[in-house]
Amino acid sequence: MPSFDDLRRYLLGQLNAAVRRPGMYGGEAVILTLLDALAFADDRTDRWQTELESLVKRGAANAAMVSGAVHEALGHRSEDVMASVYADLAHRQGWLSLDADSRIPGVLGERDCLLDDVIAEYGEPPLWLGGTNPKYSKTLGYPDRSGALVFFHFMPEMRLMATRRGDGGFRDSFVFTPAGLSR
C-alpha cells in the first residue's frame, strides 16, 4: 500500500508533467484537478481558493477559466499559455519542479527573436511547456532574480510572440514583440 508521501509525490509528478504537456494529459481540467488534490493533501485549500479568486480578479480567468482569459487576451486558444498560468501558481505553492538552475537578468521586451535566440541568451529553460515540434506553439519559463517566473511565449514558427510576468492585470502582463502584434 502506498504511503501518503508516495501519493503526494505521484500527484506532484503528474502535475509537473501535465503543465509541461497539457494536451497529452487532458488539458486544463486535469491540471485543476491535480492542483486541487495537492491543495487538499497539503492542507492549503483556503490558500488555493484565494489563488483561484485572484485569477478572476486580475482577468487571468473567466467563466471559461484560464483558457477563456487566454483566448480573450490573445485572440486564440493556447494550451501552453494556459498551462503557464497554472505553472506560475504551482511555482508559488512550491509544487513545480524546474529542470535547471537558470535565472534571467531581465525580460526581452519588444524585440523580435527566435526560440534559439532566447536559449542562446539565457540557457536551457528550467520550464518547457508544450512539445518540441516547431509546428506548434510553446512557452519557456525562467525564474528572474527574485525567483518569480518569466514566460516567453512562442508562435508555431518559433518566433517570440510575447513575454509575460507578474501578478497584475493579465492583459497588461504581456509584452508583445512586433511579430506578436502583427498576428
N, C-alpha and C. Protein backbone atom coordinates (compact mmCIF):
# COMPACT_ATOMS: atom_id res chain seq x y z
N MET A 1 0.85 -1.18 0.00
CA MET A 1 0.00 0.00 0.00
C MET A 1 0.90 1.24 0.00
N PRO A 2 0.65 2.16 -0.95
CA PRO A 2 1.47 3.39 -0.98
C PRO A 2 1.20 4.27 0.24
N SER A 3 2.23 4.93 0.69
CA SER A 3 2.09 5.85 1.81
C SER A 3 1.55 7.19 1.31
N PHE A 4 1.19 8.05 2.25
CA PHE A 4 0.75 9.40 1.90
C PHE A 4 1.83 10.12 1.10
N ASP A 5 3.08 10.00 1.53
CA ASP A 5 4.19 10.66 0.83
C ASP A 5 4.33 10.13 -0.59
N ASP A 6 4.12 8.83 -0.77
CA ASP A 6 4.16 8.25 -2.12
C ASP A 6 3.07 8.85 -3.00
N LEU A 7 1.87 8.95 -2.47
CA LEU A 7 0.75 9.52 -3.23
C LEU A 7 1.00 10.99 -3.55
N ARG A 8 1.52 11.74 -2.59
CA ARG A 8 1.82 13.16 -2.83
C ARG A 8 2.89 13.31 -3.91
N ARG A 9 3.94 12.49 -3.84
CA ARG A 9 4.98 12.53 -4.88
C ARG A 9 4.40 12.20 -6.25
N TYR A 10 3.49 11.25 -6.29
CA TYR A 10 2.83 10.88 -7.54
C TYR A 10 2.03 12.07 -8.09
N LEU A 11 1.24 12.73 -7.23
CA LEU A 11 0.48 13.91 -7.67
C LEU A 11 1.40 15.01 -8.17
N LEU A 12 2.50 15.25 -7.47
CA LEU A 12 3.46 16.26 -7.91
C LEU A 12 4.03 15.91 -9.29
N GLY A 13 4.38 14.66 -9.48
CA GLY A 13 4.91 14.22 -10.77
C GLY A 13 3.89 14.39 -11.88
N GLN A 14 2.64 14.04 -11.61
CA GLN A 14 1.59 14.19 -12.61
C GLN A 14 1.33 15.66 -12.93
N LEU A 15 1.30 16.51 -11.91
CA LEU A 15 1.11 17.95 -12.14
C LEU A 15 2.23 18.51 -12.99
N ASN A 16 3.46 18.19 -12.65
CA ASN A 16 4.60 18.71 -13.40
C ASN A 16 4.57 18.24 -14.85
N ALA A 17 4.15 17.01 -15.09
CA ALA A 17 4.02 16.51 -16.46
C ALA A 17 2.85 17.19 -17.18
N ALA A 18 1.74 17.39 -16.48
CA ALA A 18 0.55 17.97 -17.11
C ALA A 18 0.75 19.42 -17.52
N VAL A 19 1.46 20.22 -16.72
CA VAL A 19 1.68 21.61 -17.15
C VAL A 19 2.68 21.69 -18.30
N ARG A 20 3.58 20.74 -18.37
CA ARG A 20 4.57 20.74 -19.46
C ARG A 20 3.96 20.26 -20.78
N ARG A 21 3.04 19.33 -20.73
CA ARG A 21 2.40 18.77 -21.93
C ARG A 21 0.89 18.68 -21.70
N PRO A 22 0.22 19.82 -21.60
CA PRO A 22 -1.20 19.80 -21.22
C PRO A 22 -2.08 19.00 -22.18
N GLY A 23 -1.80 19.03 -23.45
CA GLY A 23 -2.61 18.29 -24.42
C GLY A 23 -2.53 16.79 -24.24
N MET A 24 -1.42 16.31 -23.78
CA MET A 24 -1.25 14.86 -23.57
C MET A 24 -1.88 14.38 -22.27
N TYR A 25 -2.17 15.30 -21.36
CA TYR A 25 -2.68 14.91 -20.05
C TYR A 25 -4.14 15.29 -19.81
N GLY A 26 -4.78 15.90 -20.78
CA GLY A 26 -6.19 16.22 -20.62
C GLY A 26 -6.49 17.69 -20.43
N GLY A 27 -5.48 18.54 -20.53
CA GLY A 27 -5.70 19.98 -20.52
C GLY A 27 -6.00 20.59 -19.16
N GLU A 28 -6.72 21.68 -19.22
CA GLU A 28 -6.96 22.50 -18.03
C GLU A 28 -7.72 21.75 -16.93
N ALA A 29 -8.69 20.94 -17.28
CA ALA A 29 -9.47 20.24 -16.27
C ALA A 29 -8.58 19.32 -15.43
N VAL A 30 -7.65 18.64 -16.06
CA VAL A 30 -6.76 17.74 -15.34
C VAL A 30 -5.79 18.54 -14.47
N ILE A 31 -5.25 19.62 -15.02
CA ILE A 31 -4.34 20.47 -14.23
C ILE A 31 -5.05 20.99 -12.98
N LEU A 32 -6.27 21.47 -13.15
CA LEU A 32 -7.04 21.97 -12.00
C LEU A 32 -7.30 20.87 -10.97
N THR A 33 -7.65 19.68 -11.45
CA THR A 33 -7.90 18.56 -10.54
C THR A 33 -6.65 18.21 -9.73
N LEU A 34 -5.50 18.19 -10.40
CA LEU A 34 -4.25 17.89 -9.71
C LEU A 34 -3.90 18.98 -8.70
N LEU A 35 -4.10 20.23 -9.08
CA LEU A 35 -3.83 21.34 -8.15
C LEU A 35 -4.76 21.27 -6.94
N ASP A 36 -6.05 20.99 -7.18
CA ASP A 36 -7.00 20.84 -6.07
C ASP A 36 -6.58 19.71 -5.14
N ALA A 37 -6.16 18.58 -5.71
CA ALA A 37 -5.75 17.43 -4.89
C ALA A 37 -4.52 17.76 -4.05
N LEU A 38 -3.57 18.48 -4.65
CA LEU A 38 -2.37 18.86 -3.89
C LEU A 38 -2.70 19.87 -2.79
N ALA A 39 -3.61 20.79 -3.08
CA ALA A 39 -4.03 21.75 -2.06
C ALA A 39 -4.67 21.01 -0.88
N PHE A 40 -5.49 20.02 -1.18
CA PHE A 40 -6.11 19.23 -0.12
C PHE A 40 -5.05 18.44 0.65
N ALA A 41 -4.15 17.79 -0.08
CA ALA A 41 -3.11 16.96 0.56
C ALA A 41 -2.21 17.80 1.47
N ASP A 42 -1.94 19.04 1.06
CA ASP A 42 -1.06 19.91 1.84
C ASP A 42 -1.82 20.80 2.81
N ASP A 43 -3.14 20.57 2.96
CA ASP A 43 -3.99 21.35 3.85
C ASP A 43 -3.91 22.84 3.52
N ARG A 44 -4.01 23.14 2.23
CA ARG A 44 -3.93 24.53 1.75
C ARG A 44 -5.16 24.90 0.92
N THR A 45 -6.30 24.30 1.17
CA THR A 45 -7.46 24.56 0.32
C THR A 45 -7.89 26.03 0.38
N ASP A 46 -7.80 26.67 1.55
CA ASP A 46 -8.17 28.09 1.64
C ASP A 46 -7.20 28.95 0.82
N ARG A 47 -5.92 28.67 0.94
CA ARG A 47 -4.91 29.42 0.18
C ARG A 47 -5.10 29.20 -1.32
N TRP A 48 -5.41 27.97 -1.71
CA TRP A 48 -5.63 27.66 -3.12
C TRP A 48 -6.88 28.37 -3.64
N GLN A 49 -7.95 28.41 -2.85
CA GLN A 49 -9.16 29.12 -3.26
C GLN A 49 -8.87 30.61 -3.45
N THR A 50 -8.03 31.18 -2.59
CA THR A 50 -7.64 32.58 -2.74
C THR A 50 -6.89 32.79 -4.05
N GLU A 51 -6.01 31.86 -4.41
CA GLU A 51 -5.28 31.95 -5.70
C GLU A 51 -6.25 31.93 -6.87
N LEU A 52 -7.25 31.05 -6.83
CA LEU A 52 -8.23 30.97 -7.91
C LEU A 52 -9.05 32.25 -8.01
N GLU A 53 -9.45 32.80 -6.88
CA GLU A 53 -10.20 34.06 -6.88
C GLU A 53 -9.34 35.19 -7.43
N SER A 54 -8.05 35.17 -7.12
CA SER A 54 -7.14 36.19 -7.63
C SER A 54 -7.03 36.12 -9.15
N LEU A 55 -7.06 34.91 -9.71
CA LEU A 55 -7.03 34.77 -11.17
C LEU A 55 -8.18 35.53 -11.82
N VAL A 56 -9.36 35.39 -11.25
CA VAL A 56 -10.55 36.06 -11.80
C VAL A 56 -10.42 37.57 -11.63
N LYS A 57 -10.00 38.02 -10.45
CA LYS A 57 -9.89 39.46 -10.18
C LYS A 57 -8.92 40.16 -11.12
N ARG A 58 -7.82 39.48 -11.48
CA ARG A 58 -6.85 40.13 -12.36
C ARG A 58 -7.06 39.82 -13.84
N GLY A 59 -8.18 39.15 -14.16
CA GLY A 59 -8.53 38.88 -15.55
C GLY A 59 -7.81 37.70 -16.17
N ALA A 60 -7.18 36.85 -15.34
CA ALA A 60 -6.48 35.68 -15.86
C ALA A 60 -7.38 34.45 -15.92
N ALA A 61 -8.64 34.60 -15.51
CA ALA A 61 -9.63 33.54 -15.63
C ALA A 61 -11.00 34.19 -15.75
N ASN A 62 -11.89 33.51 -16.44
CA ASN A 62 -13.27 33.98 -16.57
C ASN A 62 -14.17 32.75 -16.49
N ALA A 63 -15.38 32.83 -17.02
CA ALA A 63 -16.30 31.69 -16.95
C ALA A 63 -15.73 30.46 -17.63
N ALA A 64 -14.87 30.66 -18.61
CA ALA A 64 -14.20 29.54 -19.31
C ALA A 64 -12.81 29.30 -18.72
N MET A 65 -12.62 29.72 -17.50
CA MET A 65 -11.38 29.56 -16.74
C MET A 65 -10.21 30.26 -17.43
N VAL A 66 -8.99 29.77 -17.21
CA VAL A 66 -7.80 30.43 -17.76
C VAL A 66 -7.79 30.35 -19.28
N SER A 67 -8.26 29.23 -19.84
CA SER A 67 -8.30 29.11 -21.31
C SER A 67 -9.13 30.23 -21.93
N GLY A 68 -10.22 30.60 -21.28
CA GLY A 68 -11.06 31.68 -21.78
C GLY A 68 -10.36 33.03 -21.70
N ALA A 69 -9.65 33.29 -20.62
CA ALA A 69 -8.92 34.55 -20.48
C ALA A 69 -7.78 34.64 -21.49
N VAL A 70 -7.11 33.51 -21.74
CA VAL A 70 -6.04 33.49 -22.74
C VAL A 70 -6.63 33.81 -24.11
N HIS A 71 -7.77 33.22 -24.43
CA HIS A 71 -8.41 33.49 -25.72
C HIS A 71 -8.77 34.97 -25.85
N GLU A 72 -9.28 35.55 -24.78
CA GLU A 72 -9.61 36.99 -24.80
C GLU A 72 -8.37 37.84 -24.98
N ALA A 73 -7.28 37.49 -24.32
CA ALA A 73 -6.05 38.30 -24.38
C ALA A 73 -5.32 38.15 -25.70
N LEU A 74 -5.31 36.94 -26.26
CA LEU A 74 -4.51 36.68 -27.46
C LEU A 74 -5.34 36.59 -28.73
N GLY A 75 -6.63 36.38 -28.60
CA GLY A 75 -7.48 36.21 -29.77
C GLY A 75 -7.50 34.79 -30.30
N HIS A 76 -6.88 33.87 -29.57
CA HIS A 76 -6.88 32.45 -29.95
C HIS A 76 -6.56 31.61 -28.71
N ARG A 77 -6.92 30.34 -28.79
CA ARG A 77 -6.61 29.41 -27.70
C ARG A 77 -5.13 29.08 -27.72
N SER A 78 -4.57 28.84 -26.57
CA SER A 78 -3.18 28.43 -26.47
C SER A 78 -3.00 27.62 -25.20
N GLU A 79 -2.86 26.31 -25.35
CA GLU A 79 -2.71 25.46 -24.18
C GLU A 79 -1.43 25.74 -23.41
N ASP A 80 -0.34 26.06 -24.12
CA ASP A 80 0.90 26.31 -23.40
C ASP A 80 0.83 27.60 -22.60
N VAL A 81 0.15 28.63 -23.11
CA VAL A 81 -0.02 29.87 -22.34
C VAL A 81 -0.92 29.60 -21.13
N MET A 82 -2.01 28.85 -21.34
CA MET A 82 -2.89 28.48 -20.23
C MET A 82 -2.10 27.73 -19.17
N ALA A 83 -1.31 26.75 -19.60
CA ALA A 83 -0.53 25.95 -18.65
C ALA A 83 0.48 26.80 -17.90
N SER A 84 1.01 27.85 -18.55
CA SER A 84 1.99 28.70 -17.88
C SER A 84 1.37 29.46 -16.71
N VAL A 85 0.10 29.80 -16.81
CA VAL A 85 -0.58 30.49 -15.70
C VAL A 85 -0.65 29.55 -14.49
N TYR A 86 -1.02 28.30 -14.73
CA TYR A 86 -1.08 27.34 -13.64
C TYR A 86 0.32 26.96 -13.15
N ALA A 87 1.28 26.91 -14.05
CA ALA A 87 2.67 26.62 -13.63
C ALA A 87 3.16 27.71 -12.68
N ASP A 88 2.80 28.96 -12.97
CA ASP A 88 3.19 30.06 -12.10
C ASP A 88 2.58 29.89 -10.70
N LEU A 89 1.30 29.51 -10.66
CA LEU A 89 0.66 29.28 -9.35
C LEU A 89 1.32 28.10 -8.63
N ALA A 90 1.58 27.03 -9.36
CA ALA A 90 2.22 25.86 -8.75
C ALA A 90 3.62 26.21 -8.24
N HIS A 91 4.33 27.06 -8.97
CA HIS A 91 5.66 27.51 -8.54
C HIS A 91 5.57 28.24 -7.21
N ARG A 92 4.61 29.14 -7.09
CA ARG A 92 4.45 29.88 -5.84
C ARG A 92 4.06 28.98 -4.67
N GLN A 93 3.38 27.89 -4.95
CA GLN A 93 2.98 26.94 -3.91
C GLN A 93 4.10 25.96 -3.56
N GLY A 94 5.19 25.96 -4.36
CA GLY A 94 6.27 25.02 -4.13
C GLY A 94 6.04 23.66 -4.75
N TRP A 95 5.10 23.56 -5.68
CA TRP A 95 4.74 22.29 -6.30
C TRP A 95 5.38 22.09 -7.67
N LEU A 96 6.02 23.09 -8.22
CA LEU A 96 6.60 22.98 -9.56
C LEU A 96 8.08 22.66 -9.45
N SER A 97 8.52 21.68 -10.20
CA SER A 97 9.94 21.33 -10.27
C SER A 97 10.53 21.94 -11.53
N LEU A 98 11.57 22.73 -11.35
CA LEU A 98 12.26 23.31 -12.51
C LEU A 98 13.39 22.38 -12.92
N ASP A 99 13.64 22.31 -14.22
CA ASP A 99 14.61 21.35 -14.76
C ASP A 99 16.05 21.81 -14.67
N ALA A 100 16.30 23.08 -14.52
CA ALA A 100 17.67 23.59 -14.48
C ALA A 100 17.69 24.81 -13.57
N ASP A 101 18.87 25.18 -13.15
CA ASP A 101 19.03 26.38 -12.34
C ASP A 101 19.53 27.49 -13.24
N SER A 102 18.62 28.26 -13.77
CA SER A 102 18.97 29.33 -14.70
C SER A 102 18.11 30.53 -14.38
N ARG A 103 18.72 31.67 -14.23
CA ARG A 103 17.97 32.90 -13.94
C ARG A 103 18.25 33.93 -15.02
N ILE A 104 17.25 34.72 -15.30
CA ILE A 104 17.43 35.74 -16.33
C ILE A 104 17.59 37.11 -15.68
N PRO A 105 18.41 37.95 -16.27
CA PRO A 105 18.61 39.27 -15.69
C PRO A 105 17.47 40.24 -15.95
N GLY A 106 16.75 40.05 -17.02
CA GLY A 106 15.66 40.94 -17.37
C GLY A 106 14.73 40.24 -18.34
N VAL A 107 13.89 41.00 -19.00
CA VAL A 107 12.93 40.44 -19.93
C VAL A 107 13.21 40.99 -21.32
N LEU A 108 13.20 40.11 -22.31
CA LEU A 108 13.29 40.58 -23.69
C LEU A 108 12.00 41.34 -23.96
N GLY A 109 12.11 42.58 -24.16
CA GLY A 109 10.92 43.40 -24.32
C GLY A 109 10.24 43.21 -25.64
N GLU A 110 10.28 44.21 -26.44
CA GLU A 110 9.52 44.24 -27.68
C GLU A 110 10.38 43.83 -28.87
N ARG A 111 11.44 43.12 -28.65
CA ARG A 111 12.38 42.73 -29.70
C ARG A 111 11.95 41.41 -30.35
N ASP A 112 11.98 41.36 -31.66
CA ASP A 112 11.73 40.10 -32.36
C ASP A 112 12.91 39.17 -32.19
N CYS A 113 12.64 37.91 -31.89
CA CYS A 113 13.69 36.91 -31.82
C CYS A 113 13.08 35.53 -31.96
N LEU A 114 13.93 34.57 -32.10
CA LEU A 114 13.52 33.18 -32.26
C LEU A 114 13.77 32.40 -30.97
N LEU A 115 13.18 31.22 -30.89
CA LEU A 115 13.37 30.35 -29.74
C LEU A 115 14.85 30.10 -29.48
N ASP A 116 15.61 29.81 -30.52
CA ASP A 116 17.04 29.55 -30.36
C ASP A 116 17.78 30.76 -29.80
N ASP A 117 17.33 31.98 -30.12
CA ASP A 117 17.95 33.19 -29.60
C ASP A 117 17.77 33.29 -28.08
N VAL A 118 16.57 32.96 -27.60
CA VAL A 118 16.30 33.01 -26.16
C VAL A 118 17.15 31.98 -25.43
N ILE A 119 17.22 30.76 -25.98
CA ILE A 119 18.02 29.71 -25.34
C ILE A 119 19.50 30.08 -25.37
N ALA A 120 19.97 30.67 -26.46
CA ALA A 120 21.37 31.08 -26.54
C ALA A 120 21.68 32.16 -25.50
N GLU A 121 20.72 33.06 -25.26
CA GLU A 121 20.95 34.15 -24.33
C GLU A 121 20.80 33.73 -22.87
N TYR A 122 19.82 32.86 -22.56
CA TYR A 122 19.51 32.53 -21.17
C TYR A 122 19.81 31.08 -20.78
N GLY A 123 20.21 30.25 -21.71
CA GLY A 123 20.49 28.85 -21.41
C GLY A 123 19.26 27.98 -21.55
N GLU A 124 19.45 26.71 -21.29
CA GLU A 124 18.33 25.76 -21.37
C GLU A 124 17.24 26.19 -20.40
N PRO A 125 16.00 26.16 -20.84
CA PRO A 125 14.92 26.63 -19.96
C PRO A 125 14.64 25.67 -18.82
N PRO A 126 14.47 26.19 -17.62
CA PRO A 126 14.09 25.35 -16.49
C PRO A 126 12.67 24.80 -16.62
N LEU A 127 11.86 25.44 -17.48
CA LEU A 127 10.48 25.02 -17.67
C LEU A 127 10.13 25.15 -19.15
N TRP A 128 9.80 24.03 -19.78
CA TRP A 128 9.41 23.98 -21.20
C TRP A 128 7.98 23.47 -21.25
N LEU A 129 7.07 24.31 -21.73
CA LEU A 129 5.65 23.94 -21.81
C LEU A 129 5.29 23.75 -23.28
N GLY A 130 4.77 22.59 -23.60
CA GLY A 130 4.44 22.24 -24.98
C GLY A 130 5.52 21.33 -25.54
N GLY A 131 5.24 20.77 -26.68
CA GLY A 131 6.16 19.83 -27.30
C GLY A 131 7.34 20.51 -27.95
N THR A 132 8.18 19.71 -28.56
CA THR A 132 9.37 20.24 -29.24
C THR A 132 9.15 20.41 -30.74
N ASN A 133 8.02 19.98 -31.26
CA ASN A 133 7.71 20.12 -32.68
C ASN A 133 7.59 21.60 -33.03
N PRO A 134 8.38 22.09 -33.99
CA PRO A 134 8.33 23.52 -34.32
C PRO A 134 7.02 23.96 -34.97
N LYS A 135 6.15 23.03 -35.32
CA LYS A 135 4.86 23.40 -35.93
C LYS A 135 3.83 23.84 -34.89
N TYR A 136 4.17 23.71 -33.60
CA TYR A 136 3.23 24.05 -32.55
C TYR A 136 3.83 25.07 -31.60
N SER A 137 2.97 25.92 -31.05
CA SER A 137 3.43 26.94 -30.12
C SER A 137 3.97 26.30 -28.85
N LYS A 138 4.74 27.06 -28.13
CA LYS A 138 5.30 26.59 -26.86
C LYS A 138 5.65 27.79 -26.00
N THR A 139 5.92 27.51 -24.75
CA THR A 139 6.26 28.54 -23.78
C THR A 139 7.47 28.06 -22.99
N LEU A 140 8.43 28.97 -22.80
CA LEU A 140 9.58 28.70 -21.94
C LEU A 140 9.45 29.55 -20.69
N GLY A 141 9.80 28.97 -19.54
CA GLY A 141 9.75 29.71 -18.29
C GLY A 141 11.12 29.74 -17.63
N TYR A 142 11.49 30.92 -17.16
CA TYR A 142 12.76 31.12 -16.45
C TYR A 142 12.48 31.94 -15.19
N PRO A 143 13.10 31.60 -14.06
CA PRO A 143 12.97 32.48 -12.90
C PRO A 143 13.82 33.74 -13.08
N ASP A 144 13.30 34.87 -12.61
CA ASP A 144 14.11 36.08 -12.64
C ASP A 144 14.92 36.15 -11.35
N ARG A 145 15.58 37.28 -11.12
CA ARG A 145 16.43 37.42 -9.93
C ARG A 145 15.67 37.21 -8.63
N SER A 146 14.39 37.57 -8.63
CA SER A 146 13.59 37.43 -7.41
C SER A 146 13.06 36.01 -7.22
N GLY A 147 13.19 35.18 -8.25
CA GLY A 147 12.65 33.82 -8.19
C GLY A 147 11.31 33.69 -8.86
N ALA A 148 10.66 34.82 -9.20
CA ALA A 148 9.38 34.77 -9.92
C ALA A 148 9.62 34.29 -11.35
N LEU A 149 8.64 33.65 -11.92
CA LEU A 149 8.80 33.12 -13.28
C LEU A 149 8.49 34.17 -14.33
N VAL A 150 9.29 34.17 -15.38
CA VAL A 150 9.08 34.97 -16.57
C VAL A 150 8.84 33.98 -17.71
N PHE A 151 7.80 34.23 -18.50
CA PHE A 151 7.44 33.31 -19.57
C PHE A 151 7.69 33.94 -20.93
N PHE A 152 8.22 33.13 -21.83
CA PHE A 152 8.43 33.50 -23.22
C PHE A 152 7.48 32.66 -24.06
N HIS A 153 6.53 33.31 -24.70
CA HIS A 153 5.50 32.63 -25.48
C HIS A 153 5.88 32.68 -26.97
N PHE A 154 5.97 31.51 -27.58
CA PHE A 154 6.40 31.41 -28.98
C PHE A 154 5.26 30.97 -29.87
N MET A 155 5.22 31.55 -31.06
CA MET A 155 4.27 31.16 -32.08
C MET A 155 4.76 29.86 -32.73
N PRO A 156 3.89 29.19 -33.50
CA PRO A 156 4.30 27.93 -34.11
C PRO A 156 5.58 28.00 -34.94
N GLU A 157 5.87 29.11 -35.54
CA GLU A 157 7.10 29.20 -36.35
C GLU A 157 8.33 29.53 -35.50
N MET A 158 8.20 29.37 -34.18
CA MET A 158 9.27 29.56 -33.20
C MET A 158 9.73 31.00 -33.06
N ARG A 159 8.87 31.93 -33.45
CA ARG A 159 9.14 33.35 -33.24
C ARG A 159 8.50 33.77 -31.93
N LEU A 160 9.23 34.56 -31.17
CA LEU A 160 8.72 35.05 -29.90
C LEU A 160 7.50 35.93 -30.15
N MET A 161 6.38 35.59 -29.51
CA MET A 161 5.16 36.36 -29.64
C MET A 161 5.10 37.41 -28.52
N ALA A 162 5.45 36.99 -27.29
CA ALA A 162 5.34 37.89 -26.14
C ALA A 162 6.10 37.32 -24.95
N THR A 163 6.44 38.19 -24.03
CA THR A 163 6.91 37.77 -22.71
C THR A 163 5.81 38.12 -21.72
N ARG A 164 5.81 37.42 -20.60
CA ARG A 164 4.77 37.68 -19.59
C ARG A 164 5.33 37.38 -18.22
N ARG A 165 4.97 38.26 -17.28
CA ARG A 165 5.32 38.03 -15.88
C ARG A 165 4.44 38.88 -15.01
N GLY A 166 4.38 38.52 -13.76
CA GLY A 166 3.70 39.36 -12.79
C GLY A 166 2.31 38.91 -12.42
N ASP A 167 1.87 39.46 -11.32
CA ASP A 167 0.55 39.15 -10.79
C ASP A 167 -0.45 40.27 -11.01
N GLY A 168 -0.10 41.25 -11.82
CA GLY A 168 -1.01 42.36 -12.09
C GLY A 168 -2.09 41.93 -13.07
N GLY A 169 -2.66 42.91 -13.74
CA GLY A 169 -3.67 42.63 -14.74
C GLY A 169 -3.13 41.68 -15.80
N PHE A 170 -3.92 40.68 -16.14
CA PHE A 170 -3.45 39.64 -17.05
C PHE A 170 -3.06 40.20 -18.42
N ARG A 171 -3.94 40.97 -19.03
CA ARG A 171 -3.63 41.53 -20.36
C ARG A 171 -2.41 42.44 -20.31
N ASP A 172 -2.27 43.18 -19.24
CA ASP A 172 -1.13 44.10 -19.10
C ASP A 172 0.18 43.37 -18.84
N SER A 173 0.12 42.10 -18.46
CA SER A 173 1.35 41.36 -18.16
C SER A 173 2.07 40.88 -19.42
N PHE A 174 1.41 40.96 -20.57
CA PHE A 174 2.03 40.56 -21.83
C PHE A 174 2.79 41.74 -22.43
N VAL A 175 4.02 41.50 -22.86
CA VAL A 175 4.78 42.47 -23.65
C VAL A 175 4.98 41.81 -25.01
N PHE A 176 4.26 42.34 -26.01
CA PHE A 176 4.28 41.73 -27.34
C PHE A 176 5.45 42.20 -28.17
N THR A 177 6.02 41.30 -28.94
CA THR A 177 7.05 41.65 -29.91
C THR A 177 6.34 42.16 -31.16
N PRO A 178 7.05 42.78 -32.10
CA PRO A 178 6.42 43.16 -33.36
C PRO A 178 5.77 41.97 -34.06
N ALA A 179 6.40 40.79 -34.01
CA ALA A 179 5.82 39.59 -34.63
C ALA A 179 4.51 39.22 -33.94
N GLY A 180 4.47 39.35 -32.62
CA GLY A 180 3.26 39.03 -31.88
C GLY A 180 2.14 40.03 -32.11
N LEU A 181 2.49 41.28 -32.30
CA LEU A 181 1.48 42.30 -32.56
C LEU A 181 0.87 42.17 -33.95
N SER A 182 1.64 41.61 -34.88
CA SER A 182 1.15 41.50 -36.26
C SER A 182 0.24 40.31 -36.47
N ARG A 183 0.06 39.47 -35.46
CA ARG A 183 -0.80 38.29 -35.60
C ARG A 183 -2.24 38.67 -35.63
